[in-house]
Amino acid sequence: MTFHYLETADDPRVADYTQLTDVHLRKLREPVEGMYIAESSRVLRRALAAGHQPRSFFLAEKWLEDLDDVFQQFPEVPVYIGKSSLLEEITGFHLHRGAMAAMHRPAPVPLEELLADCVRARGRSRIAVLEDLTDHTNVGAVFRSAAAIGVDAVLVTPQCADPLYRRSIRVSMGTVFQVPWTRIDPWPASIEQLKEAGYSVAGMSLGEGAITLDELVAQDHQNLVLVFGTEGDGLKPETDQLLDARVTIPMLNGVDSLNVAASSAVAFYATR
């Protein structure tokens, strides 16, 4: 393996790690360049366990021993080391969670293949759709709940925040590498494809005609898709028109709705 000690913040070899706090820039760069950033030793190990391949490692010297076994597995991957102050200058924040790695972004799984795997694996399937969620924290939290409660897959619409953005990954505690996911496009027209695959499609909604979550559970669908709308506005009208059911979680004490991450956890558990 090759260790490289960094001397300046403008070292071109660590361009993958520059300006990590610029969300707009990274949203444009990372998918186009076929990469993402795994932040913290735990997340890094989960990415590797899922079969993802590293481009490089980036860390302070004190973390070398902790990750020696990882470096032994990938002797051809460069390891960049620097003082904490220099690493902070490069990334834009204080790196205190161990190492980072620039990872190769895996190819997206075709929707047809993902749906077939879901049904084949258990014979009873639960899938979540995230419609245009804009907050990476919410996306990560939904994935963590999906992994914990056994949701088979997560589908994200074309305008949804990137599950492989570093905040999403960090909030999910690396479970974005465990739950199968892909982008569903076109949306919402692809709802028909979900139905053709044998799924009932229910949207979490506060709209008229909504049944309660308990009523949905009582219907005991073999294969069920739960659609969660964007923060604030909820489901798109054109999505709402294609649903098999609108579903609401009854509220008490004058509360009108839950955060999308909280509502997803409730719905996943109830329909498991």
Protein backbone atom coordinates (compact mmCIF):
# COMPACT_ATOMS: atom_id res chain seq x y z
CA MET A 1 0.00 0.00 0.00
CA THR A 2 1.08 3.59 -0.57
CA PHE A 3 0.82 6.31 2.07
CA HIS A 4 0.95 9.93 0.94
CA TYR A 5 1.55 12.71 3.48
CA LEU A 6 -0.17 15.94 2.46
CA GLU A 7 1.68 19.24 2.72
CA THR A 8 -0.70 21.75 1.12
CA ALA A 9 -4.46 22.15 0.81
CA ASP A 10 -4.32 22.53 -2.97
CA ASP A 11 -2.82 19.09 -3.58
CA PRO A 12 -4.66 17.92 -6.75
CA ARG A 13 -4.56 14.30 -5.60
CA VAL A 14 -7.23 15.00 -2.97
CA ALA A 15 -9.61 16.98 -5.19
CA ASP A 16 -12.38 14.50 -4.30
CA TYR A 17 -12.38 15.87 -0.76
CA THR A 18 -12.42 19.61 -1.43
CA GLN A 19 -15.36 21.82 -0.44
CA LEU A 20 -17.38 19.01 1.11
CA THR A 21 -19.63 21.53 2.88
CA ASP A 22 -20.79 23.10 -0.40
CA VAL A 23 -24.00 21.12 -0.86
CA HIS A 24 -24.91 22.56 -4.26
CA LEU A 25 -21.45 21.85 -5.67
CA ARG A 26 -21.31 18.32 -4.32
CA LYS A 27 -24.82 17.49 -5.57
CA LEU A 28 -23.61 18.36 -9.05
CA ARG A 29 -20.14 16.84 -8.86
CA GLU A 30 -20.53 13.52 -7.15
CA PRO A 31 -23.05 11.72 -9.38
CA VAL A 32 -21.43 13.11 -12.54
CA GLU A 33 -17.99 12.00 -11.43
CA GLY A 34 -19.27 8.60 -10.36
CA MET A 35 -18.24 8.90 -6.73
CA TYR A 36 -19.43 9.64 -3.21
CA ILE A 37 -17.81 10.28 0.17
CA ALA A 38 -17.99 7.77 3.03
CA GLU A 39 -17.40 9.61 6.30
CA SER A 40 -16.34 7.86 9.54
CA SER A 41 -14.71 4.51 10.11
CA ARG A 42 -18.04 2.77 10.77
CA VAL A 43 -19.68 4.05 7.60
CA LEU A 44 -16.58 3.26 5.58
CA ARG A 45 -16.57 -0.32 6.81
CA ARG A 46 -20.27 -0.73 5.98
CA ALA A 47 -19.68 0.56 2.45
CA LEU A 48 -16.86 -1.92 1.95
CA ALA A 49 -18.93 -4.75 3.43
CA ALA A 50 -21.60 -3.96 0.83
CA GLY A 51 -19.02 -4.49 -1.90
CA HIS A 52 -18.40 -0.85 -2.80
CA GLN A 53 -14.91 -0.04 -4.06
CA PRO A 54 -12.71 2.79 -2.70
CA ARG A 55 -10.93 5.35 -4.86
CA SER A 56 -8.76 6.65 -2.01
CA PHE A 57 -8.61 7.03 1.77
CA PHE A 58 -8.23 10.35 3.61
CA LEU A 59 -7.42 10.61 7.32
CA ALA A 60 -5.34 11.96 10.17
CA GLU A 61 -2.35 9.84 11.15
CA LYS A 62 -3.88 8.79 14.48
CA TRP A 63 -6.45 6.64 12.62
CA LEU A 64 -3.89 4.58 10.68
CA GLU A 65 -3.73 1.72 13.15
CA ASP A 66 -7.51 1.50 13.51
CA LEU A 67 -7.94 0.97 9.76
CA ASP A 68 -4.85 -1.09 9.06
CA ASP A 69 -6.93 -4.17 8.20
CA VAL A 70 -8.87 -2.13 5.62
CA PHE A 71 -5.70 -0.84 4.00
CA GLN A 72 -4.39 -4.42 3.82
CA GLN A 73 -7.48 -5.40 1.80
CA PHE A 74 -6.89 -2.63 -0.76
CA PRO A 75 -3.11 -2.30 -1.12
CA GLU A 76 -3.41 -0.54 -4.49
CA VAL A 77 -5.65 2.26 -3.16
CA PRO A 78 -3.77 5.42 -2.09
CA VAL A 79 -4.00 6.57 1.53
CA TYR A 80 -3.72 10.35 2.05
CA ILE A 81 -2.65 11.52 5.49
CA GLY A 82 -2.44 15.02 6.92
CA LYS A 83 -2.57 17.10 10.06
CA SER A 84 -6.06 17.82 11.37
CA SER A 85 -5.78 21.52 10.54
CA LEU A 86 -4.83 20.75 6.93
CA LEU A 87 -7.62 18.23 6.51
CA GLU A 88 -10.09 20.81 7.83
CA GLU A 89 -8.80 23.37 5.34
CA ILE A 90 -9.33 20.91 2.49
CA THR A 91 -12.80 19.67 3.47
CA GLY A 92 -14.23 22.79 5.08
CA PHE A 93 -14.99 21.18 8.46
CA HIS A 94 -13.25 19.51 11.38
CA LEU A 95 -12.77 15.83 10.65
CA HIS A 96 -13.35 14.06 13.97
CA ARG A 97 -15.08 10.82 12.98
CA GLY A 98 -12.02 8.93 11.86
CA ALA A 99 -11.26 8.37 8.21
CA MET A 100 -12.99 9.30 4.99
CA ALA A 101 -12.93 7.52 1.70
CA ALA A 102 -13.82 8.57 -1.81
CA MET A 103 -15.85 5.65 -3.12
CA HIS A 104 -16.84 4.55 -6.60
CA ARG A 105 -20.61 5.03 -6.98
CA PRO A 106 -22.20 1.68 -7.89
CA ALA A 107 -24.28 1.42 -11.04
CA PRO A 108 -28.01 1.89 -10.41
CA VAL A 109 -30.09 -1.27 -10.22
CA PRO A 110 -32.80 -1.50 -12.90
CA LEU A 111 -36.25 -1.15 -11.33
CA GLU A 112 -37.51 -4.42 -12.85
CA GLU A 113 -34.62 -6.34 -11.30
CA LEU A 114 -35.10 -4.72 -7.90
CA LEU A 115 -38.84 -5.49 -7.85
CA ALA A 116 -38.26 -9.10 -8.84
CA ASP A 117 -35.67 -9.53 -6.09
CA CYS A 118 -38.02 -8.05 -3.48
CA VAL A 119 -40.84 -10.47 -4.20
CA ARG A 120 -38.56 -13.48 -4.68
CA ALA A 121 -36.71 -12.91 -1.41
CA ARG A 122 -39.68 -13.07 0.95
CA GLY A 123 -42.89 -13.64 -0.97
CA ARG A 124 -44.29 -10.63 0.93
CA SER A 125 -42.82 -7.26 0.12
CA ARG A 126 -42.75 -3.72 1.48
CA ILE A 127 -41.23 -0.87 -0.54
CA ALA A 128 -40.94 2.85 0.19
CA VAL A 129 -40.98 5.66 -2.37
CA LEU A 130 -39.48 9.04 -1.43
CA GLU A 131 -41.06 11.70 -3.62
CA ASP A 132 -38.82 14.74 -4.02
CA LEU A 133 -37.55 14.89 -0.43
CA THR A 134 -35.12 17.81 -0.29
CA ASP A 135 -33.49 17.28 3.12
CA HIS A 136 -30.58 14.84 3.17
CA THR A 137 -31.13 14.30 6.90
CA ASN A 138 -34.67 13.06 6.28
CA VAL A 139 -33.53 10.77 3.49
CA GLY A 140 -30.89 9.22 5.75
CA ALA A 141 -33.36 8.82 8.62
CA VAL A 142 -35.88 7.06 6.38
CA PHE A 143 -33.22 4.61 5.22
CA ARG A 144 -32.23 3.87 8.81
CA SER A 145 -35.84 3.08 9.73
CA ALA A 146 -36.25 1.02 6.56
CA ALA A 147 -33.22 -1.08 7.46
CA ALA A 148 -34.24 -1.49 11.10
CA ILE A 149 -37.82 -2.57 10.35
CA GLY A 150 -37.12 -4.70 7.29
CA VAL A 151 -38.38 -2.69 4.33
CA ASP A 152 -37.23 -4.49 1.20
CA ALA A 153 -36.25 -1.47 -0.90
CA VAL A 154 -36.42 2.30 -1.20
CA LEU A 155 -37.19 4.06 -4.47
CA VAL A 156 -36.30 7.73 -4.87
CA THR A 157 -37.86 10.01 -7.47
CA PRO A 158 -35.74 12.01 -9.95
CA GLN A 159 -35.79 15.18 -7.81
CA CYS A 160 -35.22 13.49 -4.45
CA ALA A 161 -32.05 14.25 -2.49
CA ASP A 162 -29.16 11.86 -3.06
CA PRO A 163 -29.06 8.92 -0.61
CA LEU A 164 -25.29 8.78 -1.18
CA TYR A 165 -24.64 12.38 -0.18
CA ARG A 166 -22.43 12.25 2.90
CA ARG A 167 -25.06 13.70 5.29
CA SER A 168 -27.62 11.12 4.15
CA ILE A 169 -25.09 8.35 4.62
CA ARG A 170 -24.02 9.62 8.04
CA VAL A 171 -27.58 10.02 9.38
CA SER A 172 -28.47 6.57 8.09
CA MET A 173 -25.43 5.15 9.92
CA GLY A 174 -24.43 3.52 6.65
CA THR A 175 -27.71 1.63 6.20
CA VAL A 176 -28.04 3.17 2.72
CA PHE A 177 -25.58 0.43 1.77
CA GLN A 178 -27.81 -2.30 3.21
CA VAL A 179 -31.23 -1.40 1.82
CA PRO A 180 -31.56 -1.90 -1.96
CA TRP A 181 -32.53 1.33 -3.68
CA THR A 182 -32.72 2.98 -7.07
CA ARG A 183 -34.24 6.02 -8.76
CA ILE A 184 -37.69 5.50 -10.22
CA ASP A 185 -38.10 7.44 -13.46
CA PRO A 186 -40.39 8.65 -14.95
CA TRP A 187 -42.41 9.65 -11.92
CA PRO A 188 -45.28 9.39 -11.16
CA ALA A 189 -45.99 7.46 -14.36
CA SER A 190 -43.93 4.54 -13.01
CA ILE A 191 -46.62 3.90 -10.41
CA GLU A 192 -48.30 1.82 -13.11
CA GLN A 193 -45.16 -0.31 -13.33
CA LEU A 194 -45.35 -0.94 -9.58
CA LYS A 195 -48.97 -2.00 -9.90
CA GLU A 196 -48.18 -4.30 -12.83
CA ALA A 197 -45.54 -5.96 -10.62
CA GLY A 198 -48.29 -6.84 -8.15
CA TYR A 199 -48.01 -4.01 -5.64
CA SER A 200 -50.77 -1.96 -4.04
CA VAL A 201 -49.62 1.67 -3.89
CA ALA A 202 -50.60 3.75 -0.88
CA GLY A 203 -49.60 7.36 -0.30
CA MET A 204 -49.23 8.96 3.12
CA SER A 205 -51.61 11.89 2.92
CA LEU A 206 -53.75 14.37 4.86
CA GLY A 207 -56.15 14.68 1.93
CA GLU A 208 -59.82 13.87 1.70
CA GLY A 209 -60.80 10.24 1.40
CA ALA A 210 -57.79 9.00 3.36
CA ILE A 211 -58.14 5.81 5.38
CA THR A 212 -56.31 5.40 8.66
CA LEU A 213 -53.06 3.49 8.90
CA ASP A 214 -54.87 0.89 11.02
CA GLU A 215 -57.37 0.36 8.21
CA LEU A 216 -54.54 -0.15 5.72
CA VAL A 217 -52.92 -2.70 8.03
CA ALA A 218 -56.23 -4.58 8.31
CA GLN A 219 -56.30 -4.97 4.52
CA ASP A 220 -53.09 -7.06 4.87
CA HIS A 221 -51.63 -6.46 1.41
CA GLN A 222 -49.17 -9.07 0.21
CA ASN A 223 -47.08 -6.51 -1.66
CA LEU A 224 -47.30 -2.89 -0.60
CA VAL A 225 -45.65 0.36 -1.69
CA LEU A 226 -45.76 3.34 0.68
CA VAL A 227 -45.22 6.75 -0.93
CA PHE A 228 -43.97 9.68 1.16
CA GLY A 229 -44.29 13.20 -0.22
CA THR A 230 -41.89 16.09 0.03
CA GLU A 231 -41.47 18.08 3.22
CA GLY A 232 -44.13 20.77 3.50
CA ASP A 233 -46.28 20.19 0.41
CA GLY A 234 -46.70 16.44 0.64
CA LEU A 235 -47.65 14.34 -2.37
CA LYS A 236 -48.01 15.87 -5.81
CA PRO A 237 -51.59 16.07 -7.13
CA GLU A 238 -50.64 13.97 -10.15
CA THR A 239 -49.24 11.30 -7.82
CA ASP A 240 -52.33 11.39 -5.63
CA GLN A 241 -54.53 10.58 -8.64
CA LEU A 242 -52.67 7.33 -9.33
CA LEU A 243 -52.72 5.88 -5.82
CA ASP A 244 -54.70 2.82 -4.77
CA ALA A 245 -55.22 4.40 -1.35
CA ARG A 246 -54.51 7.56 0.64
CA VAL A 247 -53.44 6.83 4.19
CA THR A 248 -53.26 9.04 7.26
CA ILE A 249 -51.85 8.60 10.76
CA PRO A 250 -54.48 9.91 13.21
CA MET A 251 -53.14 12.73 15.41
CA LEU A 252 -53.95 13.92 18.92
CA ASN A 253 -53.48 17.18 20.84
CA GLY A 254 -53.84 19.44 17.83
CA VAL A 255 -50.84 18.04 15.98
CA ASP A 256 -51.65 18.01 12.26
CA SER A 257 -48.74 15.98 10.88
CA LEU A 258 -45.43 14.26 11.59
CA ASN A 259 -42.04 14.88 10.07
CA VAL A 260 -41.63 12.60 7.05
CA ALA A 261 -38.88 10.59 8.75
CA ALA A 262 -41.06 10.02 11.81
CA SER A 263 -44.13 9.12 9.78
CA SER A 264 -42.13 6.64 7.72
CA ALA A 265 -40.95 4.83 10.85
CA VAL A 266 -44.54 4.57 12.13
CA ALA A 267 -45.84 3.34 8.77
CA PHE A 268 -42.99 0.84 8.28
CA TYR A 269 -43.59 -0.70 11.70
CA ALA A 270 -47.36 -0.85 11.36
CA THR A 271 -47.27 -2.52 7.93
CA ARG A 272 -44.30 -4.83 8.51
